[in-house]
Amino acid sequence: MTNLIIGGAGFVGLNLVEAGLRRADKVIAFDRSPLPETAAQSFALLPGELCIVQGDVTNQDDILRVIKDNKVAHVFHGAAVTAGQKREEEEPELVLSVNTIGLINTLKASKVAGTVKRIINVSSGSAYGDGGFGDTGWTGRLDEYKTVDDPITLYAISKYASERIARRLGKVMALDVCNVRLSAIFGPWEYDTGLRDTLSAPMQASLLALSGSAAILSRKESRDWTYSRDVAEALFALMDNKSLSYDLYNITSGSPWSVQDWCDCLAKTFPNFSYRFAGDNDEPNVDLFGERDRLTMSSEKLIQDTGYVLSDNVEKMYEDFEKWIQESRNFWE
């Protein structure tokens, strides 16, 4: 079947394209930007068929055309503006247009085309908002249906809204729509797309290691950091399951660990790299996304329906990441 990746040139999108091609599927990468050259060269070696289509997610006709022309059966909607506070202030219209209207365009185009069997809306654990930190009274692992959500930032609000939009319009339009909330994602193909304001903390540390600089951490945080290639496999596992029990799933490693653990791995590969915790005269150069650690997301429903368990082994993740760096080192250049 043909898989359409909307936002195919973005971080998660590139991992989905790669995973689909590894399966020898036909994959259409739809994005306003072209695929990075290093990624395109790497993907050309994989067995699947890749079609690259440049288009605008805020233009419904662009999406409808690619679905109809290719008789698309599976749609992963991953186009998003991952906004920081500065962009919230300066471009709130862009954030909401891409993150909500873009999804509506995908749903309407899928309905009109009539070939789409399932749409997966790629949302974010940020949709839990302050509820993810226990501020609404929740103390266990974050549950897709039991935890009380309290999104605060514009990005979190837009992702939460996208889930509700997908649920409502999926019902109204008789579409098979599934939402997923991604945990803190890092790994291969992560880069500054111009619409992603802050790279993950492990990737920030990795870039410092590549440049031979020291990483300065403000504290030892603990988050369920989740490897991007595992995320893509989990998304395909959900797409493959013909009878899902839920319409919202967490995708997470399910185990918290620290960027310090990642720095320990980096130091074995890059002898000129070091890290330390900030002292009185130090300014941290790795953004740990605030001074609080979000509660760990539960992967119970994902495992129940797909049997897929994402890796929580930091050293195994790094082994794959190190190989990817060797093969694609010029990706960031």
C-alpha atoms as a PDB file:
ATOM      1  CA  MET A   1       0.000   0.000   0.000  1.00  0.00           C
ATOM      2  CA  THR A   2       1.000   3.617  -0.500  1.00  0.00           C
ATOM      3  CA  ASN A   3       1.998   5.608   2.586  1.00  0.00           C
ATOM      4  CA  LEU A   4       1.743   9.394   2.562  1.00  0.00           C
ATOM      5  CA  ILE A   5       3.963  11.171   5.100  1.00  0.00           C
ATOM      6  CA  ILE A   6       2.725  14.738   5.519  1.00  0.00           C
ATOM      7  CA  GLY A   7       5.663  16.655   6.919  1.00  0.00           C
ATOM      8  CA  GLY A   8       7.993  14.125   5.302  1.00  0.00           C
ATOM      9  CA  ALA A   9      11.045  16.404   5.391  1.00  0.00           C
ATOM     10  CA  GLY A  10      10.751  16.985   9.140  1.00  0.00           C
ATOM     11  CA  PHE A  11      12.401  15.058  11.960  1.00  0.00           C
ATOM     12  CA  VAL A  12       9.718  12.442  12.630  1.00  0.00           C
ATOM     13  CA  GLY A  13       8.733  12.511   8.958  1.00  0.00           C
ATOM     14  CA  LEU A  14      12.209  11.468   7.802  1.00  0.00           C
ATOM     15  CA  ASN A  15      12.185   8.554  10.238  1.00  0.00           C
ATOM     16  CA  LEU A  16       8.787   7.468   8.897  1.00  0.00           C
ATOM     17  CA  VAL A  17      10.013   7.713   5.305  1.00  0.00           C
ATOM     18  CA  GLU A  18      13.063   5.614   6.178  1.00  0.00           C
ATOM     19  CA  ALA A  19      10.994   2.996   8.021  1.00  0.00           C
ATOM     20  CA  GLY A  20       8.494   2.715   5.157  1.00  0.00           C
ATOM     21  CA  LEU A  21      11.240   2.277   2.584  1.00  0.00           C
ATOM     22  CA  ARG A  22      12.926  -0.382   4.715  1.00  0.00           C
ATOM     23  CA  ARG A  23       9.637  -2.297   4.500  1.00  0.00           C
ATOM     24  CA  ALA A  24       9.809  -1.986   0.702  1.00  0.00           C
ATOM     25  CA  ASP A  25       6.621   0.108   0.694  1.00  0.00           C
ATOM     26  CA  LYS A  26       5.811   2.974  -1.602  1.00  0.00           C
ATOM     27  CA  VAL A  27       6.313   6.166   0.382  1.00  0.00           C
ATOM     28  CA  ILE A  28       5.348   9.706  -0.563  1.00  0.00           C
ATOM     29  CA  ALA A  29       7.165  12.438   1.351  1.00  0.00           C
ATOM     30  CA  PHE A  30       4.973  15.554   1.250  1.00  0.00           C
ATOM     31  CA  ASP A  31       6.462  18.789   2.561  1.00  0.00           C
ATOM     32  CA  ARG A  32       6.916  22.411   1.612  1.00  0.00           C
ATOM     33  CA  SER A  33      10.678  21.810   1.860  1.00  0.00           C
ATOM     34  CA  PRO A  34      12.770  19.319  -0.124  1.00  0.00           C
ATOM     35  CA  LEU A  35      14.323  16.336   1.636  1.00  0.00           C
ATOM     36  CA  PRO A  36      17.817  17.050   2.975  1.00  0.00           C
ATOM     37  CA  GLU A  37      20.336  15.788   0.430  1.00  0.00           C
ATOM     38  CA  THR A  38      22.047  13.383   2.831  1.00  0.00           C
ATOM     39  CA  ALA A  39      18.709  11.795   3.724  1.00  0.00           C
ATOM     40  CA  ALA A  40      17.679  11.481   0.072  1.00  0.00           C
ATOM     41  CA  GLN A  41      20.976   9.766  -0.765  1.00  0.00           C
ATOM     42  CA  SER A  42      20.586   7.354   2.146  1.00  0.00           C
ATOM     43  CA  PHE A  43      16.972   6.549   1.281  1.00  0.00           C
ATOM     44  CA  ALA A  44      17.904   5.792  -2.335  1.00  0.00           C
ATOM     45  CA  LEU A  45      19.733   2.692  -1.073  1.00  0.00           C
ATOM     46  CA  LEU A  46      16.604   1.254   0.562  1.00  0.00           C
ATOM     47  CA  PRO A  47      14.268  -1.207  -1.216  1.00  0.00           C
ATOM     48  CA  GLY A  48      11.024   0.802  -1.198  1.00  0.00           C
ATOM     49  CA  GLU A  49       9.793   3.318  -3.762  1.00  0.00           C
ATOM     50  CA  LEU A  50      10.134   6.984  -2.763  1.00  0.00           C
ATOM     51  CA  CYS A  51       8.170   9.837  -4.278  1.00  0.00           C
ATOM     52  CA  ILE A  52       8.903  13.394  -3.123  1.00  0.00           C
ATOM     53  CA  VAL A  53       6.127  15.958  -3.460  1.00  0.00           C
ATOM     54  CA  GLN A  54       6.529  19.582  -2.462  1.00  0.00           C
ATOM     55  CA  GLY A  55       3.299  21.165  -1.267  1.00  0.00           C
ATOM     56  CA  ASP A  56       1.726  23.259   1.456  1.00  0.00           C
ATOM     57  CA  VAL A  57      -0.259  21.596   4.232  1.00  0.00           C
ATOM     58  CA  THR A  58      -2.374  24.738   4.553  1.00  0.00           C
ATOM     59  CA  ASN A  59      -3.531  24.240   0.943  1.00  0.00           C
ATOM     60  CA  GLN A  60      -6.145  21.489   0.835  1.00  0.00           C
ATOM     61  CA  ASP A  61      -5.870  21.160  -2.949  1.00  0.00           C
ATOM     62  CA  ASP A  62      -2.182  20.199  -2.655  1.00  0.00           C
ATOM     63  CA  ILE A  63      -3.042  17.371  -0.286  1.00  0.00           C
ATOM     64  CA  LEU A  64      -6.057  16.188  -2.262  1.00  0.00           C
ATOM     65  CA  ARG A  65      -4.037  16.076  -5.474  1.00  0.00           C
ATOM     66  CA  VAL A  66      -1.314  13.862  -4.031  1.00  0.00           C
ATOM     67  CA  ILE A  67      -3.823  11.487  -2.402  1.00  0.00           C
ATOM     68  CA  LYS A  68      -5.922  11.114  -5.557  1.00  0.00           C
ATOM     69  CA  ASP A  69      -3.004  10.870  -7.967  1.00  0.00           C
ATOM     70  CA  ASN A  70      -1.392   8.086  -5.952  1.00  0.00           C
ATOM     71  CA  LYS A  71      -4.479   6.331  -4.542  1.00  0.00           C
ATOM     72  CA  VAL A  72      -3.034   6.757  -1.056  1.00  0.00           C
ATOM     73  CA  ALA A  73      -4.245   4.227   1.532  1.00  0.00           C
ATOM     74  CA  HIS A  74      -2.295   5.242   4.655  1.00  0.00           C
ATOM     75  CA  VAL A  75      -1.656   8.799   5.844  1.00  0.00           C
ATOM     76  CA  PHE A  76       0.715   9.853   8.612  1.00  0.00           C
ATOM     77  CA  HIS A  77      -0.008  13.489   9.411  1.00  0.00           C
ATOM     78  CA  GLY A  78       3.147  14.860  11.027  1.00  0.00           C
ATOM     79  CA  ALA A  79       3.376  18.432   9.744  1.00  0.00           C
ATOM     80  CA  ALA A  80       3.803  20.797  12.694  1.00  0.00           C
ATOM     81  CA  VAL A  81       5.386  23.997  13.929  1.00  0.00           C
ATOM     82  CA  THR A  82       7.090  23.124  17.206  1.00  0.00           C
ATOM     83  CA  ALA A  83       7.036  26.628  18.599  1.00  0.00           C
ATOM     84  CA  GLY A  84       9.015  28.208  21.386  1.00  0.00           C
ATOM     85  CA  GLN A  85       7.845  31.265  23.282  1.00  0.00           C
ATOM     86  CA  LYS A  86       9.334  33.760  20.812  1.00  0.00           C
ATOM     87  CA  ARG A  87       7.476  32.210  17.880  1.00  0.00           C
ATOM     88  CA  GLU A  88       4.291  32.025  19.952  1.00  0.00           C
ATOM     89  CA  GLU A  89       4.481  35.770  20.376  1.00  0.00           C
ATOM     90  CA  GLU A  90       5.473  36.624  16.822  1.00  0.00           C
ATOM     91  CA  GLU A  91       3.703  33.978  14.695  1.00  0.00           C
ATOM     92  CA  PRO A  92       0.729  32.486  16.548  1.00  0.00           C
ATOM     93  CA  GLU A  93      -1.247  32.408  13.292  1.00  0.00           C
ATOM     94  CA  LEU A  94       1.384  30.194  11.659  1.00  0.00           C
ATOM     95  CA  VAL A  95       1.433  27.770  14.600  1.00  0.00           C
ATOM     96  CA  LEU A  96      -2.339  27.321  14.597  1.00  0.00           C
ATOM     97  CA  SER A  97      -2.641  27.283  10.810  1.00  0.00           C
ATOM     98  CA  VAL A  98      -0.162  24.446  10.349  1.00  0.00           C
ATOM     99  CA  ASN A  99      -0.977  22.473  13.493  1.00  0.00           C
ATOM    100  CA  THR A 100      -4.774  22.542  13.246  1.00  0.00           C
ATOM    101  CA  ILE A 101      -5.965  23.784   9.844  1.00  0.00           C
ATOM    102  CA  GLY A 102      -3.339  21.586   8.173  1.00  0.00           C
ATOM    103  CA  LEU A 103      -4.849  18.545   9.859  1.00  0.00           C
ATOM    104  CA  ILE A 104      -8.374  19.584   8.852  1.00  0.00           C
ATOM    105  CA  ASN A 105      -7.170  19.835   5.252  1.00  0.00           C
ATOM    106  CA  THR A 106      -5.762  16.306   5.463  1.00  0.00           C
ATOM    107  CA  LEU A 107      -9.013  14.925   6.871  1.00  0.00           C
ATOM    108  CA  LYS A 108     -11.187  16.663   4.274  1.00  0.00           C
ATOM    109  CA  ALA A 109      -8.916  15.641   1.396  1.00  0.00           C
ATOM    110  CA  SER A 110      -8.922  12.034   2.637  1.00  0.00           C
ATOM    111  CA  LYS A 111     -12.697  12.027   2.735  1.00  0.00           C
ATOM    112  CA  VAL A 112     -13.021  13.425  -0.790  1.00  0.00           C
ATOM    113  CA  ALA A 113     -10.392  11.101  -2.273  1.00  0.00           C
ATOM    114  CA  GLY A 114     -12.077   8.000  -0.889  1.00  0.00           C
ATOM    115  CA  THR A 115      -8.972   5.758  -0.959  1.00  0.00           C
ATOM    116  CA  VAL A 116      -7.597   6.386   2.529  1.00  0.00           C
ATOM    117  CA  LYS A 117      -8.002   3.492   4.955  1.00  0.00           C
ATOM    118  CA  ARG A 118      -6.419   5.085   8.036  1.00  0.00           C
ATOM    119  CA  ILE A 119      -4.970   8.428   9.150  1.00  0.00           C
ATOM    120  CA  ILE A 120      -2.568   8.689  12.064  1.00  0.00           C
ATOM    121  CA  ASN A 121      -2.344  12.166  13.577  1.00  0.00           C
ATOM    122  CA  VAL A 122       1.091  12.618  15.143  1.00  0.00           C
ATOM    123  CA  SER A 123       0.542  14.594  18.331  1.00  0.00           C
ATOM    124  CA  SER A 124       2.794  15.168  21.311  1.00  0.00           C
ATOM    125  CA  GLY A 125       3.132  14.389  25.003  1.00  0.00           C
ATOM    126  CA  SER A 126       3.116  18.162  25.447  1.00  0.00           C
ATOM    127  CA  ALA A 127      -0.685  17.877  25.122  1.00  0.00           C
ATOM    128  CA  TYR A 128      -0.692  16.694  28.741  1.00  0.00           C
ATOM    129  CA  GLY A 129       0.524  20.185  29.609  1.00  0.00           C
ATOM    130  CA  ASP A 130       0.830  20.866  33.316  1.00  0.00           C
ATOM    131  CA  GLY A 131      -1.144  17.676  33.880  1.00  0.00           C
ATOM    132  CA  GLY A 132       1.988  15.877  32.766  1.00  0.00           C
ATOM    133  CA  PHE A 133       3.847  17.295  35.760  1.00  0.00           C
ATOM    134  CA  GLY A 134       1.212  16.181  38.247  1.00  0.00           C
ATOM    135  CA  ASP A 135      -0.339  19.630  38.650  1.00  0.00           C
ATOM    136  CA  THR A 136      -3.851  18.258  38.138  1.00  0.00           C
ATOM    137  CA  GLY A 137      -3.381  15.628  40.808  1.00  0.00           C
ATOM    138  CA  TRP A 138      -2.085  12.711  38.726  1.00  0.00           C
ATOM    139  CA  THR A 139       0.922  10.901  40.210  1.00  0.00           C
ATOM    140  CA  GLY A 140       1.340   7.691  38.188  1.00  0.00           C
ATOM    141  CA  ARG A 141       2.439   7.077  34.625  1.00  0.00           C
ATOM    142  CA  LEU A 142       0.689   9.372  32.189  1.00  0.00           C
ATOM    143  CA  ASP A 143      -2.409   7.640  30.845  1.00  0.00           C
ATOM    144  CA  GLU A 144      -4.068   8.623  27.567  1.00  0.00           C
ATOM    145  CA  TYR A 145      -7.578   8.652  29.046  1.00  0.00           C
ATOM    146  CA  LYS A 146      -7.244   8.960  32.835  1.00  0.00           C
ATOM    147  CA  THR A 147      -4.688  11.749  33.229  1.00  0.00           C
ATOM    148  CA  VAL A 148      -6.306  15.203  33.263  1.00  0.00           C
ATOM    149  CA  ASP A 149      -4.744  17.279  30.480  1.00  0.00           C
ATOM    150  CA  ASP A 150      -3.878  20.937  31.002  1.00  0.00           C
ATOM    151  CA  PRO A 151      -1.983  22.245  27.950  1.00  0.00           C
ATOM    152  CA  ILE A 152      -0.508  25.711  28.495  1.00  0.00           C
ATOM    153  CA  THR A 153       1.814  26.642  25.607  1.00  0.00           C
ATOM    154  CA  LEU A 154       0.429  27.408  22.169  1.00  0.00           C
ATOM    155  CA  TYR A 155       2.144  24.330  20.732  1.00  0.00           C
ATOM    156  CA  ALA A 156       0.629  22.094  23.423  1.00  0.00           C
ATOM    157  CA  ILE A 157      -2.803  23.675  22.983  1.00  0.00           C
ATOM    158  CA  SER A 158      -2.651  23.177  19.210  1.00  0.00           C
ATOM    159  CA  LYS A 159      -1.631  19.508  19.544  1.00  0.00           C
ATOM    160  CA  TYR A 160      -4.375  18.855  22.088  1.00  0.00           C
ATOM    161  CA  ALA A 161      -6.844  20.590  19.768  1.00  0.00           C
ATOM    162  CA  SER A 162      -5.630  18.500  16.830  1.00  0.00           C
ATOM    163  CA  GLU A 163      -6.484  15.320  18.731  1.00  0.00           C
ATOM    164  CA  ARG A 164     -10.004  16.540  19.449  1.00  0.00           C
ATOM    165  CA  ILE A 165     -10.438  17.718  15.874  1.00  0.00           C
ATOM    166  CA  ALA A 166      -9.294  14.340  14.558  1.00  0.00           C
ATOM    167  CA  ARG A 167     -11.642  12.510  16.915  1.00  0.00           C
ATOM    168  CA  ARG A 168     -14.664  14.647  16.016  1.00  0.00           C
ATOM    169  CA  LEU A 169     -14.143  14.940  12.262  1.00  0.00           C
ATOM    170  CA  GLY A 170     -13.152  11.298  12.032  1.00  0.00           C
ATOM    171  CA  LYS A 171     -16.564  10.423  13.425  1.00  0.00           C
ATOM    172  CA  VAL A 172     -18.454  12.993  11.347  1.00  0.00           C
ATOM    173  CA  MET A 173     -16.656  12.047   8.126  1.00  0.00           C
ATOM    174  CA  ALA A 174     -16.608   8.282   8.834  1.00  0.00           C
ATOM    175  CA  LEU A 175     -12.816   8.168   8.692  1.00  0.00           C
ATOM    176  CA  ASP A 176     -10.513   5.784  10.558  1.00  0.00           C
ATOM    177  CA  VAL A 177      -8.387   8.240  12.529  1.00  0.00           C
ATOM    178  CA  CYS A 178      -5.902   7.463  15.294  1.00  0.00           C
ATOM    179  CA  ASN A 179      -4.014   9.967  17.471  1.00  0.00           C
ATOM    180  CA  VAL A 180      -0.591   9.349  18.985  1.00  0.00           C
ATOM    181  CA  ARG A 181       1.279  11.313  21.627  1.00  0.00           C
ATOM    182  CA  LEU A 182       5.035  11.135  21.221  1.00  0.00           C
ATOM    183  CA  SER A 183       7.280  11.335  24.247  1.00  0.00           C
ATOM    184  CA  ALA A 184      10.579  13.254  24.239  1.00  0.00           C
ATOM    185  CA  ILE A 185      11.987  12.127  20.876  1.00  0.00           C
ATOM    186  CA  PHE A 186      15.624  12.227  19.745  1.00  0.00           C
ATOM    187  CA  GLY A 187      17.806  10.386  17.286  1.00  0.00           C
ATOM    188  CA  PRO A 188      18.701  10.096  13.587  1.00  0.00           C
ATOM    189  CA  TRP A 189      17.509  12.775  11.154  1.00  0.00           C
ATOM    190  CA  GLU A 190      16.912  15.386  13.851  1.00  0.00           C
ATOM    191  CA  TYR A 191      17.761  18.871  12.639  1.00  0.00           C
ATOM    192  CA  ASP A 192      16.618  22.479  12.684  1.00  0.00           C
ATOM    193  CA  THR A 193      13.926  22.564  10.005  1.00  0.00           C
ATOM    194  CA  GLY A 194      13.133  26.225  10.574  1.00  0.00           C
ATOM    195  CA  LEU A 195       9.855  25.159  12.180  1.00  0.00           C
ATOM    196  CA  ARG A 196      11.346  23.298  15.147  1.00  0.00           C
ATOM    197  CA  ASP A 197      12.627  25.867  17.573  1.00  0.00           C
ATOM    198  CA  THR A 198      14.588  23.660  19.995  1.00  0.00           C
ATOM    199  CA  LEU A 199      16.412  20.402  19.322  1.00  0.00           C
ATOM    200  CA  SER A 200      16.170  17.615  21.889  1.00  0.00           C
ATOM    201  CA  ALA A 201      18.704  17.757  24.718  1.00  0.00           C
ATOM    202  CA  PRO A 202      20.482  14.531  23.635  1.00  0.00           C
ATOM    203  CA  MET A 203      20.874  15.965  20.135  1.00  0.00           C
ATOM    204  CA  GLN A 204      22.178  19.267  21.479  1.00  0.00           C
ATOM    205  CA  ALA A 205      24.807  17.297  23.406  1.00  0.00           C
ATOM    206  CA  SER A 206      25.601  15.241  20.288  1.00  0.00           C
ATOM    207  CA  LEU A 207      26.241  18.374  18.237  1.00  0.00           C
ATOM    208  CA  LEU A 208      28.567  19.691  20.946  1.00  0.00           C
ATOM    209  CA  ALA A 209      30.431  16.379  20.845  1.00  0.00           C
ATOM    210  CA  LEU A 210      30.781  16.612  17.061  1.00  0.00           C
ATOM    211  CA  SER A 211      32.274  20.082  17.381  1.00  0.00           C
ATOM    212  CA  GLY A 212      34.637  19.050  20.184  1.00  0.00           C
ATOM    213  CA  SER A 213      32.940  21.334  22.684  1.00  0.00           C
ATOM    214  CA  ALA A 214      31.945  20.671  26.267  1.00  0.00           C
ATOM    215  CA  ALA A 215      28.327  20.207  27.292  1.00  0.00           C
ATOM    216  CA  ILE A 216      27.248  22.184  30.338  1.00  0.00           C
ATOM    217  CA  LEU A 217      24.127  20.820  32.020  1.00  0.00           C
ATOM    218  CA  SER A 218      22.042  22.770  34.500  1.00  0.00           C
ATOM    219  CA  ARG A 219      20.990  19.642  36.405  1.00  0.00           C
ATOM    220  CA  LYS A 220      20.525  15.900  36.131  1.00  0.00           C
ATOM    221  CA  GLU A 221      17.064  15.616  34.633  1.00  0.00           C
ATOM    222  CA  SER A 222      15.033  12.428  34.104  1.00  0.00           C
ATOM    223  CA  ARG A 223      12.733  11.926  31.107  1.00  0.00           C
ATOM    224  CA  ASP A 224      11.458   9.041  29.026  1.00  0.00           C
ATOM    225  CA  TRP A 225      13.698   9.946  26.099  1.00  0.00           C
ATOM    226  CA  THR A 226      12.619   7.852  23.117  1.00  0.00           C
ATOM    227  CA  TYR A 227      14.587   6.878  20.017  1.00  0.00           C
ATOM    228  CA  SER A 228      13.227   8.233  16.735  1.00  0.00           C
ATOM    229  CA  ARG A 229      13.656   5.044  14.702  1.00  0.00           C
ATOM    230  CA  ASP A 230      11.693   3.126  17.350  1.00  0.00           C
ATOM    231  CA  VAL A 231       8.958   5.754  17.135  1.00  0.00           C
ATOM    232  CA  ALA A 232       8.640   5.211  13.385  1.00  0.00           C
ATOM    233  CA  GLU A 233       8.384   1.440  13.846  1.00  0.00           C
ATOM    234  CA  ALA A 234       5.703   1.898  16.490  1.00  0.00           C
ATOM    235  CA  LEU A 235       3.720   4.163  14.174  1.00  0.00           C
ATOM    236  CA  PHE A 236       3.801   1.553  11.423  1.00  0.00           C
ATOM    237  CA  ALA A 237       2.778  -1.127  13.936  1.00  0.00           C
ATOM    238  CA  LEU A 238      -0.336   0.943  14.707  1.00  0.00           C
ATOM    239  CA  MET A 239      -1.012   1.486  11.018  1.00  0.00           C
ATOM    240  CA  ASP A 240      -0.759  -2.254  10.357  1.00  0.00           C
ATOM    241  CA  ASN A 241      -3.230  -3.234  13.087  1.00  0.00           C
ATOM    242  CA  LYS A 242      -6.607  -3.493  11.382  1.00  0.00           C
ATOM    243  CA  SER A 243      -8.624  -3.314  14.608  1.00  0.00           C
ATOM    244  CA  LEU A 244      -7.371  -0.804  17.154  1.00  0.00           C
ATOM    245  CA  SER A 245      -8.916  -0.687  20.625  1.00  0.00           C
ATOM    246  CA  TYR A 246      -8.321   3.037  21.161  1.00  0.00           C
ATOM    247  CA  ASP A 247      -8.069   6.273  19.202  1.00  0.00           C
ATOM    248  CA  LEU A 248      -5.217   7.708  21.296  1.00  0.00           C
ATOM    249  CA  TYR A 249      -1.881   6.053  22.122  1.00  0.00           C
ATOM    250  CA  ASN A 250       1.278   7.137  23.906  1.00  0.00           C
ATOM    251  CA  ILE A 251       4.491   6.284  22.099  1.00  0.00           C
ATOM    252  CA  THR A 252       7.347   6.170  24.572  1.00  0.00           C
ATOM    253  CA  SER A 253      10.309   4.122  25.745  1.00  0.00           C
ATOM    254  CA  GLY A 254       8.489   3.995  29.063  1.00  0.00           C
ATOM    255  CA  SER A 255      11.699   4.410  31.081  1.00  0.00           C
ATOM    256  CA  PRO A 256      13.208   7.685  32.282  1.00  0.00           C
ATOM    257  CA  TRP A 257      16.909   8.390  31.968  1.00  0.00           C
ATOM    258  CA  SER A 258      19.191  11.423  31.866  1.00  0.00           C
ATOM    259  CA  VAL A 259      21.106  13.334  29.208  1.00  0.00           C
ATOM    260  CA  GLN A 260      24.089  12.635  31.448  1.00  0.00           C
ATOM    261  CA  ASP A 261      23.722   8.969  30.443  1.00  0.00           C
ATOM    262  CA  TRP A 262      23.855  10.012  26.784  1.00  0.00           C
ATOM    263  CA  CYS A 263      26.907  12.172  27.419  1.00  0.00           C
ATOM    264  CA  ASP A 264      28.669   9.157  28.938  1.00  0.00           C
ATOM    265  CA  CYS A 265      28.087   7.314  25.642  1.00  0.00           C
ATOM    266  CA  LEU A 266      29.257  10.279  23.558  1.00  0.00           C
ATOM    267  CA  ALA A 267      32.485  10.553  25.567  1.00  0.00           C
ATOM    268  CA  LYS A 268      33.460   7.013  24.485  1.00  0.00           C
ATOM    269  CA  THR A 269      33.237   7.969  20.796  1.00  0.00           C
ATOM    270  CA  PHE A 270      34.467  11.577  20.920  1.00  0.00           C
ATOM    271  CA  PRO A 271      37.616  11.806  23.075  1.00  0.00           C
ATOM    272  CA  ASN A 272      37.636  15.615  22.900  1.00  0.00           C
ATOM    273  CA  PHE A 273      34.103  15.793  24.307  1.00  0.00           C
ATOM    274  CA  SER A 274      33.377  16.349  27.969  1.00  0.00           C
ATOM    275  CA  TYR A 275      30.436  17.425  30.062  1.00  0.00           C
ATOM    276  CA  ARG A 276      29.880  18.988  33.450  1.00  0.00           C
ATOM    277  CA  PHE A 277      27.145  20.439  35.566  1.00  0.00           C
ATOM    278  CA  ALA A 278      27.003  24.215  35.679  1.00  0.00           C
ATOM    279  CA  GLY A 279      28.825  25.923  38.503  1.00  0.00           C
ATOM    280  CA  ASP A 280      28.468  29.472  39.764  1.00  0.00           C
ATOM    281  CA  ASN A 281      30.308  30.916  36.755  1.00  0.00           C
ATOM    282  CA  ASP A 282      28.879  28.554  34.130  1.00  0.00           C
ATOM    283  CA  GLU A 283      26.078  29.148  31.666  1.00  0.00           C
ATOM    284  CA  PRO A 284      24.336  25.898  30.631  1.00  0.00           C
ATOM    285  CA  ASN A 285      24.484  25.264  26.866  1.00  0.00           C
ATOM    286  CA  VAL A 286      22.031  22.333  26.750  1.00  0.00           C
ATOM    287  CA  ASP A 287      18.343  23.211  27.045  1.00  0.00           C
ATOM    288  CA  LEU A 288      16.650  20.653  29.302  1.00  0.00           C
ATOM    289  CA  PHE A 289      13.151  22.070  28.700  1.00  0.00           C
ATOM    290  CA  GLY A 290      12.626  23.681  32.080  1.00  0.00           C
ATOM    291  CA  GLU A 291      13.388  22.909  35.676  1.00  0.00           C
ATOM    292  CA  ARG A 292      10.782  20.191  36.122  1.00  0.00           C
ATOM    293  CA  ASP A 293      10.661  16.646  34.795  1.00  0.00           C
ATOM    294  CA  ARG A 294       7.475  15.445  33.162  1.00  0.00           C
ATOM    295  CA  LEU A 295       6.047  12.202  34.489  1.00  0.00           C
ATOM    296  CA  THR A 296       6.791   9.079  32.450  1.00  0.00           C
ATOM    297  CA  MET A 297       4.231   8.206  29.795  1.00  0.00           C
ATOM    298  CA  SER A 298       2.631   4.756  29.835  1.00  0.00           C
ATOM    299  CA  SER A 299       3.081   2.518  26.792  1.00  0.00           C
ATOM    300  CA  GLU A 300       0.596  -0.100  28.026  1.00  0.00           C
ATOM    301  CA  LYS A 301      -2.072   0.492  25.363  1.00  0.00           C
ATOM    302  CA  LEU A 302       0.441   0.477  22.514  1.00  0.00           C
ATOM    303  CA  ILE A 303       1.935  -2.815  23.670  1.00  0.00           C
ATOM    304  CA  GLN A 304      -1.508  -4.294  24.244  1.00  0.00           C
ATOM    305  CA  ASP A 305      -2.648  -3.588  20.685  1.00  0.00           C
ATOM    306  CA  THR A 306       0.570  -4.039  18.699  1.00  0.00           C
ATOM    307  CA  GLY A 307       2.956  -6.061  20.834  1.00  0.00           C
ATOM    308  CA  TYR A 308       5.651  -3.520  19.933  1.00  0.00           C
ATOM    309  CA  VAL A 309       7.948  -2.472  22.779  1.00  0.00           C
ATOM    310  CA  LEU A 310      10.210   0.528  22.222  1.00  0.00           C
ATOM    311  CA  SER A 311      13.780   0.209  23.449  1.00  0.00           C
ATOM    312  CA  ASP A 312      14.750   1.705  26.801  1.00  0.00           C
ATOM    313  CA  ASN A 313      18.381   0.585  26.536  1.00  0.00           C
ATOM    314  CA  VAL A 314      20.510   3.717  26.207  1.00  0.00           C
ATOM    315  CA  GLU A 315      23.604   1.852  25.066  1.00  0.00           C
ATOM    316  CA  LYS A 316      21.673   0.002  22.340  1.00  0.00           C
ATOM    317  CA  MET A 317      20.193   3.296  21.137  1.00  0.00           C
ATOM    318  CA  TYR A 318      23.655   4.819  21.064  1.00  0.00           C
ATOM    319  CA  GLU A 319      25.103   1.880  19.137  1.00  0.00           C
ATOM    320  CA  ASP A 320      22.625   2.543  16.329  1.00  0.00           C
ATOM    321  CA  PHE A 321      23.091   6.308  16.598  1.00  0.00           C
ATOM    322  CA  GLU A 322      26.877   6.023  16.379  1.00  0.00           C
ATOM    323  CA  LYS A 323      26.581   3.969  13.204  1.00  0.00           C
ATOM    324  CA  TRP A 324      24.208   6.550  11.761  1.00  0.00           C
ATOM    325  CA  ILE A 325      26.633   9.385  12.577  1.00  0.00           C
ATOM    326  CA  GLN A 326      29.418   7.558  10.746  1.00  0.00           C
ATOM    327  CA  GLU A 327      27.216   7.086   7.685  1.00  0.00           C
ATOM    328  CA  SER A 328      25.551  10.521   7.700  1.00  0.00           C
ATOM    329  CA  ARG A 329      27.965  12.805   9.519  1.00  0.00           C
ATOM    330  CA  ASN A 330      27.588  15.592   6.967  1.00  0.00           C
ATOM    331  CA  PHE A 331      23.800  15.686   7.558  1.00  0.00           C
ATOM    332  CA  TRP A 332      24.119  18.673   9.913  1.00  0.00           C
ATOM    333  CA  GLU A 333      26.576  20.455   7.656  1.00  0.00           C
END
